[in-house]
Amino acid sequence: MGATKRVSELLMQSLAGNGTRMMACVFGNVVGSSGSVIPLFREQIARGGPVTVTHPEITRFFMTFLRPPADPAGRAIGEAGDIPSGDGTPVKIVDMART
């Protein structure tokens, strides 16, 4: 999955500057989704720990849903398109793990 994400990032960067705005929606950044880090942390806690983090400086932007989505993938794409460039607050994964 990481390689696909990286190829997408490189493709979007190569097309930047020609008047097209692009945004990638990584479904693991939807809080509580099966690809999110939160279910992994919960599983690690249930086993008695430890809660592991790959690197303490990793940050991510997370999306949440105010109501249960009928189609999580479709909703995530739609909501990603509504996020203005530069808005939002990145969250350190290590802070999520501590919480």
N, C-alpha and C. Protein backbone atom coordinates (compact mmCIF):
# COMPACT_ATOMS: atom_id res chain seq x y z
N MET A 1 0.81 -1.19 0.00
CA MET A 1 0.00 0.00 0.00
C MET A 1 0.86 1.26 0.00
N GLY A 2 1.97 1.24 0.67
CA GLY A 2 2.83 2.41 0.73
C GLY A 2 3.37 2.79 -0.64
N ALA A 3 3.68 1.81 -1.46
CA ALA A 3 4.21 2.09 -2.80
C ALA A 3 3.16 2.75 -3.67
N THR A 4 1.92 2.30 -3.58
CA THR A 4 0.83 2.91 -4.36
C THR A 4 0.62 4.35 -3.94
N LYS A 5 0.65 4.60 -2.64
CA LYS A 5 0.50 5.97 -2.14
C LYS A 5 1.63 6.84 -2.67
N ARG A 6 2.84 6.35 -2.63
CA ARG A 6 4.00 7.13 -3.08
C ARG A 6 3.91 7.44 -4.58
N VAL A 7 3.52 6.47 -5.39
CA VAL A 7 3.38 6.69 -6.83
C VAL A 7 2.32 7.77 -7.08
N SER A 8 1.22 7.72 -6.33
CA SER A 8 0.17 8.73 -6.47
C SER A 8 0.69 10.12 -6.11
N GLU A 9 1.46 10.20 -5.03
CA GLU A 9 2.03 11.48 -4.63
C GLU A 9 2.96 12.02 -5.71
N LEU A 10 3.81 11.16 -6.25
CA LEU A 10 4.75 11.60 -7.29
C LEU A 10 4.01 12.06 -8.55
N LEU A 11 2.98 11.33 -8.91
CA LEU A 11 2.20 11.70 -10.09
C LEU A 11 1.55 13.07 -9.89
N MET A 12 0.95 13.27 -8.74
CA MET A 12 0.30 14.56 -8.48
C MET A 12 1.32 15.69 -8.43
N GLN A 13 2.48 15.45 -7.84
CA GLN A 13 3.51 16.48 -7.80
C GLN A 13 4.02 16.83 -9.19
N SER A 14 4.11 15.83 -10.06
CA SER A 14 4.61 16.08 -11.41
C SER A 14 3.63 16.91 -12.23
N LEU A 15 2.35 16.87 -11.88
CA LEU A 15 1.32 17.61 -12.61
C LEU A 15 0.99 18.96 -11.96
N ALA A 16 1.65 19.27 -10.85
CA ALA A 16 1.36 20.51 -10.14
C ALA A 16 1.77 21.73 -10.97
N GLY A 17 1.00 22.79 -10.80
CA GLY A 17 1.37 24.05 -11.42
C GLY A 17 0.72 24.31 -12.77
N ASN A 18 -0.10 23.42 -13.27
CA ASN A 18 -0.73 23.66 -14.57
C ASN A 18 -2.20 24.04 -14.42
N GLY A 19 -2.57 24.55 -13.24
CA GLY A 19 -3.93 25.00 -13.01
C GLY A 19 -4.86 23.94 -12.46
N THR A 20 -4.40 22.72 -12.31
CA THR A 20 -5.22 21.64 -11.78
C THR A 20 -4.94 21.47 -10.29
N ARG A 21 -6.00 21.41 -9.49
CA ARG A 21 -5.83 21.16 -8.06
C ARG A 21 -6.12 19.70 -7.79
N MET A 22 -5.28 19.06 -7.03
CA MET A 22 -5.43 17.63 -6.73
C MET A 22 -5.30 17.39 -5.24
N MET A 23 -5.97 16.35 -4.78
CA MET A 23 -5.86 15.93 -3.39
C MET A 23 -5.98 14.42 -3.35
N ALA A 24 -5.13 13.82 -2.55
CA ALA A 24 -5.20 12.37 -2.37
C ALA A 24 -5.96 12.08 -1.08
N CYS A 25 -6.76 11.06 -1.11
CA CYS A 25 -7.50 10.62 0.07
C CYS A 25 -6.98 9.22 0.42
N VAL A 26 -6.26 9.14 1.52
CA VAL A 26 -5.74 7.86 1.98
C VAL A 26 -6.73 7.31 2.99
N PHE A 27 -7.36 6.21 2.68
CA PHE A 27 -8.45 5.72 3.50
C PHE A 27 -8.02 5.31 4.90
N GLY A 28 -6.77 5.04 5.13
CA GLY A 28 -6.28 4.77 6.48
C GLY A 28 -6.31 6.00 7.36
N ASN A 29 -6.51 7.19 6.76
CA ASN A 29 -6.58 8.42 7.53
C ASN A 29 -8.01 8.78 7.90
N VAL A 30 -8.95 7.89 7.64
CA VAL A 30 -10.31 8.08 8.10
C VAL A 30 -10.38 7.45 9.48
N VAL A 31 -10.58 8.28 10.50
CA VAL A 31 -10.51 7.82 11.88
C VAL A 31 -11.46 6.65 12.10
N GLY A 32 -10.91 5.55 12.61
CA GLY A 32 -11.71 4.38 12.94
C GLY A 32 -11.92 3.41 11.80
N SER A 33 -11.47 3.74 10.58
CA SER A 33 -11.63 2.81 9.47
C SER A 33 -10.70 1.62 9.67
N SER A 34 -10.92 0.56 8.89
CA SER A 34 -10.11 -0.64 9.07
C SER A 34 -8.64 -0.39 8.73
N GLY A 35 -8.35 0.63 7.93
CA GLY A 35 -6.97 0.95 7.60
C GLY A 35 -6.34 1.96 8.53
N SER A 36 -7.12 2.44 9.50
CA SER A 36 -6.64 3.45 10.43
C SER A 36 -5.73 2.83 11.49
N VAL A 37 -4.90 3.66 12.08
CA VAL A 37 -4.01 3.20 13.13
C VAL A 37 -4.76 2.95 14.45
N ILE A 38 -5.92 3.54 14.61
CA ILE A 38 -6.66 3.42 15.87
C ILE A 38 -7.06 1.98 16.17
N PRO A 39 -7.64 1.22 15.22
CA PRO A 39 -7.95 -0.18 15.53
C PRO A 39 -6.69 -0.99 15.90
N LEU A 40 -5.56 -0.67 15.27
CA LEU A 40 -4.30 -1.34 15.60
C LEU A 40 -3.90 -1.02 17.04
N PHE A 41 -3.99 0.26 17.41
CA PHE A 41 -3.65 0.64 18.79
C PHE A 41 -4.57 -0.06 19.78
N ARG A 42 -5.86 -0.13 19.48
CA ARG A 42 -6.82 -0.79 20.38
C ARG A 42 -6.48 -2.27 20.56
N GLU A 43 -6.09 -2.91 19.46
CA GLU A 43 -5.71 -4.33 19.53
C GLU A 43 -4.47 -4.51 20.39
N GLN A 44 -3.49 -3.62 20.22
CA GLN A 44 -2.26 -3.71 21.02
C GLN A 44 -2.56 -3.49 22.50
N ILE A 45 -3.45 -2.55 22.80
CA ILE A 45 -3.83 -2.28 24.19
C ILE A 45 -4.56 -3.48 24.79
N ALA A 46 -5.47 -4.08 24.01
CA ALA A 46 -6.23 -5.24 24.48
C ALA A 46 -5.32 -6.41 24.82
N ARG A 47 -4.18 -6.52 24.10
CA ARG A 47 -3.22 -7.60 24.38
C ARG A 47 -2.29 -7.24 25.53
N GLY A 48 -2.45 -6.04 26.09
CA GLY A 48 -1.61 -5.64 27.21
C GLY A 48 -0.42 -4.80 26.81
N GLY A 49 -0.36 -4.40 25.54
CA GLY A 49 0.71 -3.52 25.06
C GLY A 49 1.94 -4.28 24.66
N PRO A 50 2.94 -3.60 24.23
CA PRO A 50 3.02 -2.14 24.13
C PRO A 50 2.32 -1.62 22.87
N VAL A 51 2.03 -0.31 22.89
CA VAL A 51 1.51 0.37 21.70
C VAL A 51 2.74 0.84 20.94
N THR A 52 2.86 0.42 19.68
CA THR A 52 4.06 0.72 18.91
C THR A 52 3.81 1.80 17.87
N VAL A 53 4.84 2.62 17.66
CA VAL A 53 4.83 3.69 16.66
C VAL A 53 6.12 3.57 15.87
N THR A 54 6.02 3.63 14.55
CA THR A 54 7.19 3.46 13.69
C THR A 54 8.24 4.54 13.93
N HIS A 55 7.80 5.81 13.97
CA HIS A 55 8.72 6.93 14.18
C HIS A 55 7.99 8.04 14.92
N PRO A 56 8.60 8.63 15.96
CA PRO A 56 7.89 9.61 16.79
C PRO A 56 7.55 10.93 16.08
N GLU A 57 8.14 11.21 14.95
CA GLU A 57 7.88 12.48 14.26
C GLU A 57 6.86 12.36 13.13
N ILE A 58 6.29 11.18 12.90
CA ILE A 58 5.32 11.01 11.82
C ILE A 58 4.03 11.74 12.18
N THR A 59 3.53 12.53 11.23
CA THR A 59 2.27 13.23 11.41
C THR A 59 1.33 12.87 10.26
N ARG A 60 0.04 12.98 10.52
CA ARG A 60 -0.98 12.72 9.50
C ARG A 60 -2.14 13.69 9.70
N PHE A 61 -2.83 13.95 8.61
CA PHE A 61 -4.10 14.66 8.67
C PHE A 61 -5.17 13.58 8.71
N PHE A 62 -6.13 13.70 9.61
CA PHE A 62 -7.17 12.70 9.72
C PHE A 62 -8.52 13.29 9.35
N MET A 63 -9.37 12.45 8.79
CA MET A 63 -10.73 12.83 8.45
C MET A 63 -11.66 12.09 9.40
N THR A 64 -12.74 12.75 9.78
CA THR A 64 -13.76 12.09 10.58
C THR A 64 -15.10 12.23 9.86
N PHE A 65 -16.03 11.40 10.23
CA PHE A 65 -17.38 11.48 9.67
C PHE A 65 -18.32 11.90 10.78
N LEU A 66 -19.15 12.90 10.52
CA LEU A 66 -20.10 13.36 11.52
C LEU A 66 -21.28 12.42 11.66
N ARG A 67 -21.56 11.66 10.62
CA ARG A 67 -22.64 10.66 10.66
C ARG A 67 -22.11 9.40 9.97
N PRO A 68 -22.66 8.26 10.28
CA PRO A 68 -22.17 7.02 9.65
C PRO A 68 -22.33 7.08 8.13
N PRO A 69 -21.25 6.84 7.40
CA PRO A 69 -21.33 6.90 5.93
C PRO A 69 -22.01 5.66 5.36
N ALA A 70 -22.85 5.87 4.35
CA ALA A 70 -23.45 4.74 3.65
C ALA A 70 -22.39 4.03 2.82
N ASP A 71 -21.50 4.80 2.25
CA ASP A 71 -20.40 4.27 1.44
C ASP A 71 -19.12 4.98 1.89
N PRO A 72 -18.36 4.38 2.81
CA PRO A 72 -17.19 5.07 3.38
C PRO A 72 -16.21 5.59 2.33
N ALA A 73 -15.94 4.81 1.31
CA ALA A 73 -14.98 5.25 0.29
C ALA A 73 -15.51 6.47 -0.46
N GLY A 74 -16.75 6.40 -0.87
CA GLY A 74 -17.34 7.52 -1.60
C GLY A 74 -17.42 8.77 -0.76
N ARG A 75 -17.81 8.61 0.51
CA ARG A 75 -17.88 9.77 1.41
C ARG A 75 -16.51 10.38 1.61
N ALA A 76 -15.48 9.53 1.78
CA ALA A 76 -14.13 10.04 2.01
C ALA A 76 -13.65 10.85 0.81
N ILE A 77 -13.91 10.37 -0.37
CA ILE A 77 -13.50 11.10 -1.57
C ILE A 77 -14.24 12.43 -1.65
N GLY A 78 -15.54 12.39 -1.39
CA GLY A 78 -16.32 13.62 -1.42
C GLY A 78 -15.86 14.63 -0.40
N GLU A 79 -15.59 14.18 0.82
CA GLU A 79 -15.14 15.09 1.85
C GLU A 79 -13.73 15.61 1.58
N ALA A 80 -12.88 14.78 0.99
CA ALA A 80 -11.52 15.24 0.67
C ALA A 80 -11.59 16.39 -0.32
N GLY A 81 -12.53 16.34 -1.24
CA GLY A 81 -12.67 17.41 -2.22
C GLY A 81 -13.14 18.70 -1.61
N ASP A 82 -13.73 18.65 -0.42
CA ASP A 82 -14.21 19.85 0.27
C ASP A 82 -13.16 20.47 1.18
N ILE A 83 -12.02 19.83 1.34
CA ILE A 83 -10.99 20.34 2.24
C ILE A 83 -10.15 21.37 1.50
N PRO A 84 -10.17 22.62 1.95
CA PRO A 84 -9.35 23.64 1.29
C PRO A 84 -7.87 23.35 1.48
N SER A 85 -7.08 23.70 0.50
CA SER A 85 -5.64 23.48 0.57
C SER A 85 -5.05 24.25 1.74
N GLY A 86 -4.25 23.57 2.54
CA GLY A 86 -3.54 24.23 3.63
C GLY A 86 -4.30 24.26 4.94
N ASP A 87 -5.57 23.88 4.96
CA ASP A 87 -6.33 23.89 6.21
C ASP A 87 -6.17 22.56 6.92
N GLY A 88 -6.49 22.56 8.19
CA GLY A 88 -6.41 21.33 8.96
C GLY A 88 -5.18 21.32 9.83
N THR A 89 -5.19 20.44 10.79
CA THR A 89 -4.08 20.34 11.73
C THR A 89 -3.52 18.93 11.68
N PRO A 90 -2.22 18.81 11.40
CA PRO A 90 -1.64 17.46 11.42
C PRO A 90 -1.56 16.95 12.85
N VAL A 91 -1.70 15.65 12.99
CA VAL A 91 -1.66 14.99 14.30
C VAL A 91 -0.45 14.07 14.33
N LYS A 92 0.33 14.17 15.40
CA LYS A 92 1.45 13.23 15.55
C LYS A 92 0.89 11.88 15.97
N ILE A 93 1.31 10.85 15.26
CA ILE A 93 0.85 9.50 15.57
C ILE A 93 1.24 9.11 16.99
N VAL A 94 2.41 9.53 17.44
CA VAL A 94 2.85 9.20 18.79
C VAL A 94 1.93 9.81 19.83
N ASP A 95 1.37 11.00 19.55
CA ASP A 95 0.41 11.62 20.47
C ASP A 95 -0.89 10.82 20.52
N MET A 96 -1.33 10.31 19.37
CA MET A 96 -2.51 9.45 19.34
C MET A 96 -2.26 8.19 20.17
N ALA A 97 -1.09 7.63 20.03
CA ALA A 97 -0.75 6.40 20.76
C ALA A 97 -0.76 6.66 22.27
N ARG A 98 -0.22 7.79 22.68
CA ARG A 98 -0.21 8.12 24.11
C ARG A 98 -1.63 8.32 24.63
N THR A 99 -2.46 8.98 23.83
CA THR A 99 -3.84 9.23 24.24
C THR A 99 -4.60 7.93 24.37
